[in-house]
């Protein structure tokens, strides 16, 4: 089976989207740390935010930009 290639056209908005993605990542990382340290009770965050699901989805979606951002 050959892999499927998907092309995506992105508009040039300077650094605005990368800035927003970086801010969102920082927020999601904060939630993740709070969960790991027990500062947030299980079930307190909605499903997309609990268990790092949203953080992982953001990183998957933004993987083409990883070279341009300081994500590691």
N, C-alpha and C. Protein backbone atom coordinates (compact mmCIF):
# COMPACT_ATOMS: atom_id res chain seq x y z
N UNK A 1 0.85 -1.17 0.00
CA UNK A 1 0.00 0.00 0.00
C UNK A 1 0.90 1.24 0.00
N UNK A 2 0.65 2.15 -0.90
CA UNK A 2 1.45 3.38 -0.97
C UNK A 2 0.87 4.41 -0.02
N UNK A 3 1.75 5.18 0.64
CA UNK A 3 1.25 6.21 1.56
C UNK A 3 0.52 7.32 0.81
N UNK A 4 -0.45 7.89 1.47
CA UNK A 4 -1.20 9.00 0.90
C UNK A 4 -0.47 10.29 1.20
N UNK A 5 -0.32 11.12 0.17
CA UNK A 5 0.31 12.41 0.34
C UNK A 5 -0.78 13.48 0.34
N UNK A 6 -0.71 14.35 1.32
CA UNK A 6 -1.70 15.41 1.43
C UNK A 6 -0.99 16.75 1.35
N UNK A 7 -1.38 17.58 0.41
CA UNK A 7 -0.81 18.91 0.27
C UNK A 7 -1.74 19.92 0.91
N UNK A 8 -1.15 20.92 1.58
CA UNK A 8 -1.93 21.94 2.25
C UNK A 8 -1.39 23.29 1.84
N UNK A 9 -2.25 24.18 1.43
CA UNK A 9 -1.86 25.53 1.06
C UNK A 9 -2.06 26.44 2.27
N UNK A 10 -1.00 27.11 2.69
CA UNK A 10 -1.06 28.00 3.83
C UNK A 10 -0.90 29.44 3.37
N UNK A 11 -1.70 30.30 3.91
CA UNK A 11 -1.57 31.72 3.57
C UNK A 11 -0.39 32.32 4.34
N UNK A 12 0.20 33.33 3.78
CA UNK A 12 1.33 33.99 4.42
C UNK A 12 0.80 35.11 5.32
N UNK A 13 0.83 34.85 6.61
CA UNK A 13 0.35 35.83 7.58
C UNK A 13 1.48 36.29 8.49
N UNK A 14 2.68 36.32 7.95
CA UNK A 14 3.86 36.67 8.72
C UNK A 14 4.00 35.72 9.91
N UNK A 15 4.21 36.25 11.09
CA UNK A 15 4.41 35.40 12.26
C UNK A 15 3.17 35.31 13.14
N UNK A 16 2.06 35.89 12.70
CA UNK A 16 0.86 35.88 13.54
C UNK A 16 0.40 34.47 13.93
N UNK A 17 0.28 33.52 12.99
CA UNK A 17 -0.16 32.18 13.40
C UNK A 17 0.85 31.49 14.31
N UNK A 18 2.12 31.65 14.03
CA UNK A 18 3.11 30.98 14.88
C UNK A 18 3.11 31.58 16.28
N UNK A 19 2.87 32.87 16.39
CA UNK A 19 2.78 33.50 17.71
C UNK A 19 1.58 32.94 18.47
N UNK A 20 0.45 32.84 17.80
CA UNK A 20 -0.76 32.30 18.44
C UNK A 20 -0.55 30.85 18.85
N UNK A 21 0.09 30.06 18.00
CA UNK A 21 0.34 28.66 18.32
C UNK A 21 1.29 28.52 19.51
N UNK A 22 2.27 29.40 19.58
CA UNK A 22 3.21 29.37 20.71
C UNK A 22 2.49 29.72 22.00
N UNK A 23 1.64 30.72 21.97
CA UNK A 23 0.86 31.10 23.15
C UNK A 23 -0.06 29.96 23.59
N UNK A 24 -0.71 29.33 22.62
CA UNK A 24 -1.59 28.21 22.95
C UNK A 24 -0.81 27.05 23.54
N UNK A 25 0.37 26.77 22.98
CA UNK A 25 1.19 25.70 23.52
C UNK A 25 1.58 25.99 24.97
N UNK A 26 1.94 27.23 25.26
CA UNK A 26 2.30 27.59 26.63
C UNK A 26 1.13 27.37 27.59
N UNK A 27 -0.06 27.73 27.18
CA UNK A 27 -1.25 27.52 28.00
C UNK A 27 -1.50 26.03 28.24
N UNK A 28 -1.41 25.24 27.17
CA UNK A 28 -1.65 23.80 27.29
C UNK A 28 -0.57 23.13 28.12
N UNK A 29 0.67 23.60 28.02
CA UNK A 29 1.75 23.07 28.86
C UNK A 29 1.50 23.38 30.33
N UNK A 30 0.96 24.57 30.60
CA UNK A 30 0.63 24.93 31.98
C UNK A 30 -0.42 23.98 32.54
N UNK A 31 -1.48 23.71 31.76
CA UNK A 31 -2.50 22.75 32.19
C UNK A 31 -1.88 21.38 32.43
N UNK A 32 -0.98 20.97 31.55
CA UNK A 32 -0.34 19.66 31.68
C UNK A 32 0.46 19.56 32.98
N UNK A 33 1.21 20.61 33.29
CA UNK A 33 2.02 20.62 34.52
C UNK A 33 1.10 20.59 35.74
N UNK A 34 0.04 21.39 35.71
CA UNK A 34 -0.90 21.41 36.82
C UNK A 34 -1.51 20.02 37.05
N UNK A 35 -1.83 19.32 35.96
CA UNK A 35 -2.38 17.96 36.09
C UNK A 35 -1.35 17.01 36.69
N UNK A 36 -0.11 17.09 36.21
CA UNK A 36 0.94 16.20 36.70
C UNK A 36 1.25 16.43 38.17
N UNK A 37 1.17 17.68 38.60
CA UNK A 37 1.48 18.02 39.99
C UNK A 37 0.28 17.87 40.91
N UNK A 38 -0.88 17.54 40.35
CA UNK A 38 -2.06 17.35 41.17
C UNK A 38 -2.77 18.63 41.55
N UNK A 39 -2.42 19.75 40.91
CA UNK A 39 -3.09 21.02 41.19
C UNK A 39 -4.49 21.08 40.59
N UNK A 40 -4.76 20.21 39.63
CA UNK A 40 -6.08 20.12 39.01
C UNK A 40 -6.61 18.72 39.30
N UNK A 41 -7.80 18.65 39.83
CA UNK A 41 -8.40 17.36 40.16
C UNK A 41 -8.77 16.60 38.88
N UNK A 42 -8.68 15.26 38.90
CA UNK A 42 -9.12 14.49 37.73
C UNK A 42 -10.57 14.82 37.40
N UNK A 43 -10.85 15.04 36.15
CA UNK A 43 -12.19 15.38 35.71
C UNK A 43 -12.50 16.86 35.76
N UNK A 44 -11.58 17.67 36.29
CA UNK A 44 -11.83 19.11 36.38
C UNK A 44 -11.73 19.78 35.00
N UNK A 45 -10.82 19.30 34.16
CA UNK A 45 -10.69 19.84 32.81
C UNK A 45 -11.55 19.04 31.84
N UNK A 46 -12.11 19.68 30.82
CA UNK A 46 -12.88 18.93 29.82
C UNK A 46 -11.96 17.97 29.05
N UNK A 47 -12.55 16.97 28.45
CA UNK A 47 -11.81 15.89 27.79
C UNK A 47 -10.71 16.37 26.82
N UNK A 48 -10.94 17.34 25.97
CA UNK A 48 -9.85 17.71 25.06
C UNK A 48 -8.62 18.27 25.78
N UNK A 49 -8.80 18.85 26.95
CA UNK A 49 -7.67 19.43 27.67
C UNK A 49 -7.04 18.43 28.63
N UNK A 50 -7.82 17.50 29.12
CA UNK A 50 -7.31 16.51 30.07
C UNK A 50 -6.41 15.50 29.37
N UNK A 51 -5.39 15.07 30.06
CA UNK A 51 -4.52 14.04 29.53
C UNK A 51 -3.67 14.47 28.35
N UNK A 52 -3.44 15.73 28.19
CA UNK A 52 -2.58 16.26 27.13
C UNK A 52 -3.10 16.02 25.71
N UNK A 53 -4.36 15.67 25.54
CA UNK A 53 -4.90 15.40 24.21
C UNK A 53 -4.80 16.63 23.30
N UNK A 54 -5.16 17.79 23.82
CA UNK A 54 -5.11 19.01 23.02
C UNK A 54 -3.68 19.39 22.68
N UNK A 55 -2.77 19.22 23.63
CA UNK A 55 -1.36 19.53 23.40
C UNK A 55 -0.79 18.65 22.30
N UNK A 56 -1.08 17.36 22.36
CA UNK A 56 -0.60 16.43 21.33
C UNK A 56 -1.19 16.77 19.97
N UNK A 57 -2.47 17.12 19.93
CA UNK A 57 -3.12 17.49 18.67
C UNK A 57 -2.51 18.76 18.09
N UNK A 58 -2.23 19.73 18.94
CA UNK A 58 -1.60 20.97 18.47
C UNK A 58 -0.24 20.67 17.85
N UNK A 59 0.54 19.84 18.51
CA UNK A 59 1.87 19.51 17.99
C UNK A 59 1.80 18.71 16.69
N UNK A 60 0.82 17.82 16.57
CA UNK A 60 0.65 17.09 15.30
C UNK A 60 0.27 18.04 14.18
N UNK A 61 -0.65 18.93 14.48
CA UNK A 61 -1.15 19.87 13.47
C UNK A 61 -0.05 20.85 13.04
N UNK A 62 0.80 21.21 13.97
CA UNK A 62 1.80 22.24 13.70
C UNK A 62 3.16 21.66 13.34
N UNK A 63 3.25 20.36 13.15
CA UNK A 63 4.55 19.75 12.86
C UNK A 63 5.25 20.36 11.64
N UNK A 64 4.54 20.83 10.59
CA UNK A 64 5.27 21.48 9.49
C UNK A 64 5.99 22.76 9.91
N UNK A 65 5.57 23.36 11.02
CA UNK A 65 6.17 24.60 11.46
C UNK A 65 7.28 24.42 12.49
N UNK A 66 7.53 23.17 12.87
CA UNK A 66 8.46 22.92 13.97
C UNK A 66 9.82 23.56 13.73
N UNK A 67 10.30 23.54 12.50
CA UNK A 67 11.58 24.17 12.21
C UNK A 67 11.56 25.67 12.46
N UNK A 68 10.40 26.29 12.26
CA UNK A 68 10.30 27.73 12.44
C UNK A 68 10.06 28.13 13.89
N UNK A 69 9.61 27.18 14.70
CA UNK A 69 9.31 27.47 16.09
C UNK A 69 10.35 26.84 16.99
N UNK A 70 10.30 27.17 18.24
CA UNK A 70 11.29 26.64 19.20
C UNK A 70 10.74 25.43 19.93
N UNK A 71 10.02 24.57 19.23
CA UNK A 71 9.47 23.38 19.86
C UNK A 71 10.48 22.27 19.76
N UNK A 72 10.56 21.45 20.81
CA UNK A 72 11.52 20.36 20.75
C UNK A 72 10.99 19.06 21.22
